[in-house]
């Protein structure tokens, strides 16, 4: 039975995190902390706030600590029970109680599109959200995912990508969209290109790590050839649906930090420290 409610959120978390070597040789980049909380937990909490209760995580070799984090540590809880340190586990315990976690492995690193396709076994035939944990978002009001689920409720036959304006010289770092303004901050996408050269970019509206995807995306990904960098790009698959009028781009309200870069990671750490 088709539903307009998004209950499942997919987290691609199999990447190597090479920009943070040597730390990420043994620690998944998704587990790098902003203050005392790993990036992935921020993403899961955002999904919970948006009404999702099923977290599907695509992992890879050396990522076991992700599964351990979203599990009960009986020995640790026993050791700090009744002490002044017990409250440190309150947040993660609440997360574990509010949702379920399932995992599958991406055996080969073939791009974000391939990672999402790998997650099909966890998602099934339902519409779902995708969060890239190293894009950390903060909002005074509704979270980015909450904003996007409200749009999806109005346009349930469309995929929705979150976008923001970036400097023109940075278009080669993002998927870039071209679209027609449908309503305030919402575009109907007619073209999208993965990491175009600044002189070739049709706009400076860049896709960031928040998506709502309809299950049709899996069939498209199965037949999408490798693109930029020899990888299966979600941008290429979405372009196929955009040509059918099934992709919207939403210029979200909020602040995003690119925690996949050292500069963005430090900026986020300072921001959340001052906010704490």
Protein backbone atom coordinates (compact mmCIF):
# COMPACT_ATOMS: atom_id res chain seq x y z
CA UNK A 1 0.00 0.00 0.00
CA UNK A 2 1.45 3.36 -1.05
CA UNK A 3 2.03 5.88 1.69
CA UNK A 4 3.00 9.54 1.61
CA UNK A 5 4.76 9.22 4.96
CA UNK A 6 8.50 8.69 5.01
CA UNK A 7 9.39 6.18 7.73
CA UNK A 8 12.74 4.90 6.44
CA UNK A 9 16.05 6.72 6.19
CA UNK A 10 19.11 5.38 4.37
CA UNK A 11 22.62 6.33 5.46
CA UNK A 12 25.41 5.54 2.98
CA UNK A 13 28.38 4.98 5.29
CA UNK A 14 30.83 2.79 3.41
CA UNK A 15 33.25 5.46 2.14
CA UNK A 16 36.90 5.52 3.09
CA UNK A 17 37.04 9.09 4.42
CA UNK A 18 40.45 9.63 2.84
CA UNK A 19 40.49 13.37 3.63
CA UNK A 20 40.77 12.46 7.31
CA UNK A 21 43.58 9.93 7.07
CA UNK A 22 45.26 8.60 9.10
CA UNK A 23 42.40 8.87 11.64
CA UNK A 24 39.93 7.14 9.29
CA UNK A 25 42.25 4.20 8.79
CA UNK A 26 40.59 2.67 11.86
CA UNK A 27 37.69 5.03 12.68
CA UNK A 28 34.77 5.48 10.25
CA UNK A 29 34.44 9.13 9.20
CA UNK A 30 30.76 8.91 10.15
CA UNK A 31 31.87 8.29 13.74
CA UNK A 32 34.06 11.38 13.98
CA UNK A 33 32.64 13.51 16.81
CA UNK A 34 31.38 17.04 16.76
CA UNK A 35 31.92 17.73 20.46
CA UNK A 36 30.86 14.45 22.13
CA UNK A 37 28.49 13.07 19.48
CA UNK A 38 29.39 11.32 16.22
CA UNK A 39 28.26 12.77 12.92
CA UNK A 40 26.06 9.80 12.16
CA UNK A 41 24.09 10.26 15.38
CA UNK A 42 23.27 13.85 14.40
CA UNK A 43 21.85 12.48 11.15
CA UNK A 44 19.82 9.78 12.88
CA UNK A 45 18.40 12.33 15.32
CA UNK A 46 17.38 14.54 12.39
CA UNK A 47 15.57 11.58 10.80
CA UNK A 48 13.77 10.80 14.08
CA UNK A 49 12.68 14.43 14.37
CA UNK A 50 11.21 14.14 10.85
CA UNK A 51 9.07 11.18 11.95
CA UNK A 52 11.25 8.30 10.72
CA UNK A 53 11.75 5.20 12.81
CA UNK A 54 13.64 2.79 10.52
CA UNK A 55 17.32 3.51 9.93
CA UNK A 56 19.02 1.60 7.12
CA UNK A 57 22.81 1.89 7.09
CA UNK A 58 25.06 0.85 4.22
CA UNK A 59 28.45 0.05 5.71
CA UNK A 60 31.71 -1.51 4.56
CA UNK A 61 34.85 -3.10 5.92
CA UNK A 62 36.16 -1.55 9.13
CA UNK A 63 32.82 0.03 10.08
CA UNK A 64 31.81 -2.27 12.92
CA UNK A 65 31.92 0.58 15.44
CA UNK A 66 28.79 2.04 13.79
CA UNK A 67 26.77 -1.04 14.75
CA UNK A 68 28.28 -1.04 18.24
CA UNK A 69 27.38 2.62 18.76
CA UNK A 70 23.69 2.06 18.05
CA UNK A 71 23.50 -0.86 20.46
CA UNK A 72 23.31 -1.29 24.23
CA UNK A 73 26.68 -1.53 25.95
CA UNK A 74 25.70 -3.53 29.02
CA UNK A 75 29.16 -3.52 30.60
CA UNK A 76 29.56 0.26 30.22
CA UNK A 77 26.03 0.96 31.50
CA UNK A 78 26.64 -1.29 34.50
CA UNK A 79 29.91 0.48 35.30
CA UNK A 80 28.43 4.00 35.34
CA UNK A 81 24.95 3.16 36.67
CA UNK A 82 24.15 5.30 39.69
CA UNK A 83 27.17 7.57 39.16
CA UNK A 84 27.38 11.19 38.04
CA UNK A 85 28.39 9.94 34.57
CA UNK A 86 25.18 8.02 33.85
CA UNK A 87 23.54 10.97 32.07
CA UNK A 88 26.19 10.87 29.33
CA UNK A 89 24.40 7.92 27.74
CA UNK A 90 20.89 9.39 27.96
CA UNK A 91 20.85 10.77 24.40
CA UNK A 92 22.07 7.63 22.63
CA UNK A 93 19.84 5.40 24.77
CA UNK A 94 16.85 7.49 23.67
CA UNK A 95 17.85 7.14 20.01
CA UNK A 96 18.14 3.36 20.32
CA UNK A 97 14.70 3.13 21.91
CA UNK A 98 12.98 5.28 19.28
CA UNK A 99 13.99 3.42 16.12
CA UNK A 100 15.32 0.21 14.62
CA UNK A 101 18.61 -0.21 12.78
CA UNK A 102 19.45 -2.54 9.93
CA UNK A 103 22.71 -2.91 8.03
CA UNK A 104 24.07 -4.14 4.74
CA UNK A 105 27.55 -3.93 3.23
CA UNK A 106 28.68 -2.20 0.07
CA UNK A 107 31.37 -4.62 -1.05
CA UNK A 108 32.83 -2.33 -3.73
CA UNK A 109 33.00 1.46 -3.62
CA UNK A 110 31.24 2.41 -6.87
CA UNK A 111 29.74 5.75 -5.94
CA UNK A 112 26.75 7.15 -4.09
CA UNK A 113 24.28 5.78 -6.62
CA UNK A 114 25.66 2.29 -6.11
CA UNK A 115 25.53 2.72 -2.31
CA UNK A 116 21.86 3.68 -2.50
CA UNK A 117 21.13 0.72 -4.79
CA UNK A 118 22.91 -1.54 -2.29
CA UNK A 119 20.45 -0.31 0.34
CA UNK A 120 17.42 -1.53 -1.63
CA UNK A 121 17.36 -4.76 0.34
CA UNK A 122 16.76 -2.69 3.51
CA UNK A 123 14.29 -0.21 1.99
CA UNK A 124 12.00 -2.37 -0.15
CA UNK A 125 9.29 -0.59 -2.17
CA UNK A 126 8.75 2.41 0.09
CA UNK A 127 9.66 6.05 -0.43
CA UNK A 128 12.65 6.90 1.74
CA UNK A 129 15.05 9.61 2.82
CA UNK A 130 18.81 9.61 2.32
CA UNK A 131 21.17 11.43 4.67
CA UNK A 132 24.88 11.90 4.08
CA UNK A 133 26.18 12.23 7.61
CA UNK A 134 29.14 14.42 6.71
CA UNK A 135 26.71 17.12 5.63
CA UNK A 136 25.76 18.31 9.11
CA UNK A 137 22.75 20.63 9.21
CA UNK A 138 21.48 22.81 12.03
CA UNK A 139 18.20 24.69 12.30
CA UNK A 140 16.52 26.96 14.81
CA UNK A 141 13.13 25.70 13.58
CA UNK A 142 12.25 22.61 11.57
CA UNK A 143 15.10 20.36 10.48
CA UNK A 144 15.97 20.03 6.80
CA UNK A 145 14.42 16.56 6.60
CA UNK A 146 11.24 17.78 8.29
CA UNK A 147 10.97 20.59 5.74
CA UNK A 148 11.46 18.08 2.93
CA UNK A 149 8.91 15.56 4.19
CA UNK A 150 6.31 18.32 4.30
CA UNK A 151 7.03 19.08 0.64
CA UNK A 152 6.88 15.39 -0.25
CA UNK A 153 3.42 15.17 1.30
CA UNK A 154 2.31 17.70 -1.36
CA UNK A 155 4.24 16.08 -4.23
CA UNK A 156 4.28 12.32 -3.47
CA UNK A 157 5.22 11.28 -7.01
CA UNK A 158 8.48 13.24 -6.98
CA UNK A 159 11.98 12.86 -5.63
CA UNK A 160 13.19 15.87 -3.67
CA UNK A 161 16.80 17.02 -3.35
CA UNK A 162 18.03 19.67 -0.93
CA UNK A 163 20.00 22.50 -2.53
CA UNK A 164 21.90 25.59 -1.51
CA UNK A 165 23.72 28.35 -3.34
CA UNK A 166 27.49 27.85 -3.52
CA UNK A 167 30.24 30.08 -4.94
CA UNK A 168 30.42 29.63 -8.72
CA UNK A 169 34.04 28.47 -8.46
CA UNK A 170 32.92 25.53 -6.28
CA UNK A 171 30.43 23.97 -8.70
CA UNK A 172 32.96 21.24 -9.53
CA UNK A 173 32.46 19.84 -6.01
CA UNK A 174 28.70 19.23 -6.25
CA UNK A 175 25.81 18.03 -8.33
CA UNK A 176 24.35 21.20 -9.89
CA UNK A 177 20.71 21.63 -10.89
CA UNK A 178 18.89 23.81 -13.38
CA UNK A 179 15.21 24.30 -12.71
CA UNK A 180 12.08 26.37 -12.96
CA UNK A 181 10.74 28.05 -9.81
CA UNK A 182 7.56 26.23 -8.80
CA UNK A 183 6.87 28.01 -5.52
CA UNK A 184 8.92 29.71 -2.81
CA UNK A 185 12.36 28.03 -2.67
CA UNK A 186 11.10 25.03 -4.66
CA UNK A 187 12.26 24.26 -8.21
CA UNK A 188 11.08 21.78 -10.80
CA UNK A 189 14.34 20.32 -12.07
CA UNK A 190 14.91 19.93 -15.81
CA UNK A 191 18.65 19.36 -15.78
CA UNK A 192 21.35 18.29 -13.33
CA UNK A 193 25.05 17.62 -13.80
CA UNK A 194 27.57 16.01 -11.47
CA UNK A 195 30.51 18.30 -10.60
CA UNK A 196 30.53 20.55 -13.68
CA UNK A 197 33.43 22.85 -14.39
CA UNK A 198 32.50 26.37 -13.16
CA UNK A 199 32.46 27.75 -16.70
CA UNK A 200 30.02 25.03 -17.78
CA UNK A 201 27.68 25.10 -14.75
CA UNK A 202 24.10 26.12 -15.52
CA UNK A 203 23.63 27.60 -12.03
CA UNK A 204 25.22 27.71 -8.59
CA UNK A 205 22.42 25.65 -6.98
CA UNK A 206 24.21 22.68 -5.47
CA UNK A 207 22.74 19.42 -4.20
CA UNK A 208 23.69 18.65 -0.59
CA UNK A 209 23.37 15.43 1.37
CA UNK A 210 19.61 15.27 1.92
CA UNK A 211 17.27 13.45 -0.45
CA UNK A 212 13.78 12.01 -0.49
CA UNK A 213 13.54 9.32 -3.13
CA UNK A 214 10.66 7.38 -4.61
CA UNK A 215 11.19 3.59 -4.95
CA UNK A 216 11.31 3.96 -8.75
CA UNK A 217 14.88 5.22 -8.28
CA UNK A 218 16.12 1.65 -7.78
CA UNK A 219 15.08 0.53 -11.27
CA UNK A 220 16.72 3.60 -12.74
CA UNK A 221 19.95 2.99 -10.80
CA UNK A 222 20.10 -0.60 -12.08
CA UNK A 223 20.47 0.68 -15.63
CA UNK A 224 22.48 3.86 -14.95
CA UNK A 225 25.99 3.54 -16.43
CA UNK A 226 29.08 4.69 -14.58
CA UNK A 227 29.57 8.43 -14.94
CA UNK A 228 31.94 10.99 -13.44
CA UNK A 229 34.95 9.28 -11.84
CA UNK A 230 33.83 5.87 -13.13
CA UNK A 231 31.16 5.74 -10.42
CA UNK A 232 27.40 5.28 -10.52
CA UNK A 233 26.16 8.78 -9.73
CA UNK A 234 22.81 9.41 -8.06
CA UNK A 235 22.76 12.69 -10.01
CA UNK A 236 22.69 10.78 -13.32
CA UNK A 237 19.86 8.54 -12.11
CA UNK A 238 17.86 11.53 -10.87
CA UNK A 239 18.32 13.24 -14.23
CA UNK A 240 16.43 10.35 -15.84
CA UNK A 241 13.50 11.00 -13.50
CA UNK A 242 13.84 14.78 -13.90
CA UNK A 243 13.21 14.37 -17.63
CA UNK A 244 9.89 12.77 -16.62
CA UNK A 245 9.06 15.74 -14.37
CA UNK A 246 9.65 13.74 -11.19
CA UNK A 247 12.41 15.68 -9.41
CA UNK A 248 12.05 18.79 -7.26
CA UNK A 249 14.87 20.78 -5.67
CA UNK A 250 14.28 22.56 -2.38
CA UNK A 251 16.40 25.48 -1.20
CA UNK A 252 16.26 24.61 2.48
CA UNK A 253 16.25 26.85 5.51
CA UNK A 254 19.13 26.23 7.89
CA UNK A 255 22.90 26.04 8.10
CA UNK A 256 25.03 23.27 6.58
CA UNK A 257 28.58 22.27 7.43
CA UNK A 258 30.68 20.18 5.05
CA UNK A 259 32.18 17.89 7.65
CA UNK A 260 33.74 15.78 4.91
CA UNK A 261 36.43 18.47 4.77
CA UNK A 262 38.78 19.41 7.60
CA UNK A 263 37.84 23.10 7.31
CA UNK A 264 34.11 22.33 7.55
CA UNK A 265 34.66 19.92 10.41
CA UNK A 266 36.55 22.54 12.43
CA UNK A 267 33.92 25.17 11.60
CA UNK A 268 31.14 22.86 12.80
CA UNK A 269 33.00 22.01 15.99
CA UNK A 270 33.48 25.70 16.83
CA UNK A 271 29.85 26.51 15.96
CA UNK A 272 28.37 23.77 18.16
CA UNK A 273 30.81 24.54 20.98
CA UNK A 274 29.66 28.15 21.07
CA UNK A 275 26.05 27.03 20.87
CA UNK A 276 26.35 24.47 23.69
